[in-house]
Protein backbone atom coordinates (compact mmCIF):
# COMPACT_ATOMS: atom_id res chain seq x y z
CA UNK A 1 152.00 79.19 103.28
CA UNK A 2 149.15 81.49 104.21
CA UNK A 3 147.32 81.86 107.50
CA UNK A 4 144.10 82.85 105.71
CA UNK A 5 141.01 80.66 105.86
CA UNK A 6 139.57 79.50 102.50
CA UNK A 7 136.72 82.02 102.63
CA UNK A 8 139.18 84.86 103.21
CA UNK A 9 140.25 84.78 99.56
CA UNK A 10 137.29 86.96 98.86
CA UNK A 11 135.69 88.43 95.78
CA UNK A 12 133.43 91.24 96.96
CA UNK A 13 130.49 92.00 94.71
CA UNK A 14 128.59 95.29 95.09
CA UNK A 15 124.95 95.87 94.21
CA UNK A 16 126.11 97.82 91.14
CA UNK A 17 128.35 94.95 90.05
CA UNK A 18 125.68 92.24 90.45
CA UNK A 19 123.28 94.47 88.50
CA UNK A 20 125.78 95.01 85.66
CA UNK A 21 126.74 91.33 85.54
CA UNK A 22 123.10 90.18 85.64
CA UNK A 23 122.27 92.53 82.77
CA UNK A 24 125.24 91.11 80.85
CA UNK A 25 123.82 87.64 81.49
CA UNK A 26 120.46 88.76 80.08
CA UNK A 27 122.11 90.20 76.99
CA UNK A 28 123.97 86.93 76.43
CA UNK A 29 120.68 84.99 76.72
CA UNK A 30 118.67 87.36 74.53
CA UNK A 31 117.36 85.59 71.43
CA UNK A 32 118.74 82.21 72.53
CA UNK A 33 115.47 80.62 73.66
CA UNK A 34 113.93 77.64 71.83
CA UNK A 35 110.73 79.51 70.84
CA UNK A 36 111.98 81.81 68.05
CA UNK A 37 114.66 82.97 70.48
CA UNK A 38 112.19 83.58 73.33
CA UNK A 39 112.05 82.10 76.82
CA UNK A 40 108.76 81.01 78.45
CA UNK A 41 109.75 81.65 82.06
CA UNK A 42 112.52 82.38 84.52
CA UNK A 43 113.01 80.25 87.61
CA UNK A 44 115.27 81.60 90.35
CA UNK A 45 117.18 79.24 92.58
CA UNK A 46 116.57 80.72 96.01
CA UNK A 47 117.89 82.63 97.60
CA UNK A 48 121.00 83.76 95.72
CA UNK A 49 119.41 83.54 92.29
CA UNK A 50 116.51 85.84 93.09
CA UNK A 51 118.21 89.19 92.38
CA UNK A 52 119.89 88.03 89.14
CA UNK A 53 116.67 86.30 87.98
CA UNK A 54 114.64 89.46 88.59
CA UNK A 55 117.11 91.49 86.54
CA UNK A 56 117.22 88.90 83.72
CA UNK A 57 113.40 88.72 83.64
CA UNK A 58 113.15 92.51 83.47
CA UNK A 59 115.77 92.87 80.74
CA UNK A 60 114.23 90.12 78.60
CA UNK A 61 110.62 91.16 79.37
CA UNK A 62 109.74 87.73 80.77
CA UNK A 63 106.66 88.03 82.99
CA UNK A 64 106.43 84.43 84.22
CA UNK A 65 108.81 84.12 87.15
CA UNK A 66 108.92 81.38 89.80
CA UNK A 67 111.36 79.94 92.31
CA UNK A 68 112.87 76.63 93.27
CA UNK A 69 114.26 76.48 96.77
CA UNK A 70 117.34 74.28 97.14
CA UNK A 71 119.34 74.08 100.33
CA UNK A 72 122.96 73.04 100.05
CA UNK A 73 124.75 75.47 102.38
CA UNK A 74 124.66 76.02 106.11
CA UNK A 75 126.49 79.33 106.47
CA UNK A 76 129.79 78.58 104.65
CA UNK A 77 129.64 74.77 104.87
CA UNK A 78 128.29 72.87 101.89
CA UNK A 79 126.13 69.78 102.43
CA UNK A 80 123.92 67.49 100.31
CA UNK A 81 121.52 69.50 98.16
CA UNK A 82 117.79 68.95 98.53
CA UNK A 83 114.69 70.73 97.17
CA UNK A 84 112.55 72.57 99.74
CA UNK A 85 110.06 74.11 97.24
CA UNK A 86 109.33 73.29 93.58
CA UNK A 87 108.13 75.72 90.90
CA UNK A 88 104.74 75.28 89.24
CA UNK A 89 104.78 71.82 87.63
CA UNK A 90 102.52 72.75 84.71
CA UNK A 91 104.71 75.71 83.79
CA UNK A 92 107.93 73.72 84.13
CA UNK A 93 107.20 70.49 82.26
CA UNK A 94 110.63 69.12 81.36
CA UNK A 95 112.05 72.65 81.42
CA UNK A 96 112.02 73.45 77.70
CA UNK A 97 112.03 77.22 77.25
CA UNK A 98 112.71 77.90 80.93
CA UNK A 99 115.73 79.81 82.19
CA UNK A 100 116.94 78.58 85.58
CA UNK A 101 119.02 81.36 87.13
CA UNK A 102 121.38 81.33 90.11
CA UNK A 103 124.01 83.71 91.38
CA UNK A 104 126.83 81.16 91.41
CA UNK A 105 127.66 77.60 90.49
CA UNK A 106 130.24 76.26 92.96
CA UNK A 107 130.52 72.47 93.12
CA UNK A 108 127.61 72.06 90.69
CA UNK A 109 125.57 69.90 93.08
CA UNK A 110 122.61 72.28 93.22
CA UNK A 111 122.39 72.65 89.45
CA UNK A 112 122.90 68.91 88.97
CA UNK A 113 119.89 68.22 91.20
CA UNK A 114 117.70 70.79 89.41
CA UNK A 115 118.89 69.58 85.98
CA UNK A 116 117.71 66.06 86.86
CA UNK A 117 114.24 67.48 87.49
CA UNK A 118 114.16 69.74 84.40
CA UNK A 119 116.59 68.30 81.84
CA UNK A 120 115.60 70.63 78.99
CA UNK A 121 115.87 73.89 80.97
CA UNK A 122 118.69 76.33 80.27
CA UNK A 123 120.91 76.92 83.31
CA UNK A 124 122.48 80.35 83.70
CA UNK A 125 124.59 81.80 86.50
CA UNK A 126 126.33 85.09 86.96
CA UNK A 127 129.50 83.53 88.40
CA UNK A 128 131.01 80.05 87.98
CA UNK A 129 133.73 78.04 89.68
CA UNK A 130 135.59 75.33 87.74
CA UNK A 131 134.03 72.31 89.53
CA UNK A 132 130.53 73.49 88.60
CA UNK A 133 131.05 74.84 85.08
CA UNK A 134 129.87 71.59 83.45
CA UNK A 135 126.42 72.06 85.03
CA UNK A 136 125.84 75.58 83.70
CA UNK A 137 124.96 76.45 80.10
CA UNK A 138 125.70 80.18 80.29
CA UNK A 139 127.66 82.28 82.80
CA UNK A 140 129.38 85.65 82.86
CA UNK A 141 132.44 85.48 85.14
CA UNK A 142 134.63 82.57 86.15
CA UNK A 143 136.37 82.61 89.53
CA UNK A 144 138.85 80.19 91.08
CA UNK A 145 137.52 77.30 93.15
CA UNK A 146 139.15 78.61 96.35
CA UNK A 147 137.55 82.06 96.10
CA UNK A 148 134.64 82.92 98.37
CA UNK A 149 132.21 85.36 96.73
CA UNK A 150 130.75 87.93 99.10
CA UNK A 151 127.40 89.03 97.67
CA UNK A 152 125.90 92.41 98.63
CA UNK A 153 122.89 90.82 100.37
CA UNK A 154 125.33 89.15 102.82
CA UNK A 155 127.37 92.25 103.61
CA UNK A 156 127.30 95.35 105.76
CA UNK A 157 129.55 98.39 105.50
CA UNK A 158 132.39 98.40 108.00
CA UNK A 159 136.10 99.11 108.25
CA UNK A 160 138.43 96.40 106.94
CA UNK A 161 142.13 96.02 107.75
CA UNK A 162 144.45 96.42 104.75
CA UNK A 163 145.48 93.17 103.07
CA UNK A 164 149.10 93.55 104.18
CA UNK A 165 148.11 94.31 107.76
CA UNK A 166 148.57 97.41 109.84
């Protein structure tokens, strides 16, 4: 048995790694849109999806970018997902031709909620956990359900004890 908390099984992602993985996501999505392979827009799920969405939009030369703000976490505790801010309704329609991008799908509750609003959108994440994989159409890296991903926007540089202690 381990004395570690669930979030201590960590997968630390650097800025370089999120950039490389987001570019890989863009390459996987290139030419896959419903309009002769093109996408009409990118919608980032805030806040975690903003950096990957920006990179995907740049790589695929998509100029129409918006956000949907969904709150489902309070620090490291997950709660019921609800929309705080919607993207432009005219642009979205039913979602056809729109890439919805997030950093991670965990339980899938956030993407499930957004998918109900925009059923024809394409959902893409950089990382995916098993419980949420059914809600995402395209992802780059799968991680175990009990892994906590530490993204670079949540981190600061500091000394860390070795895994096996001192």
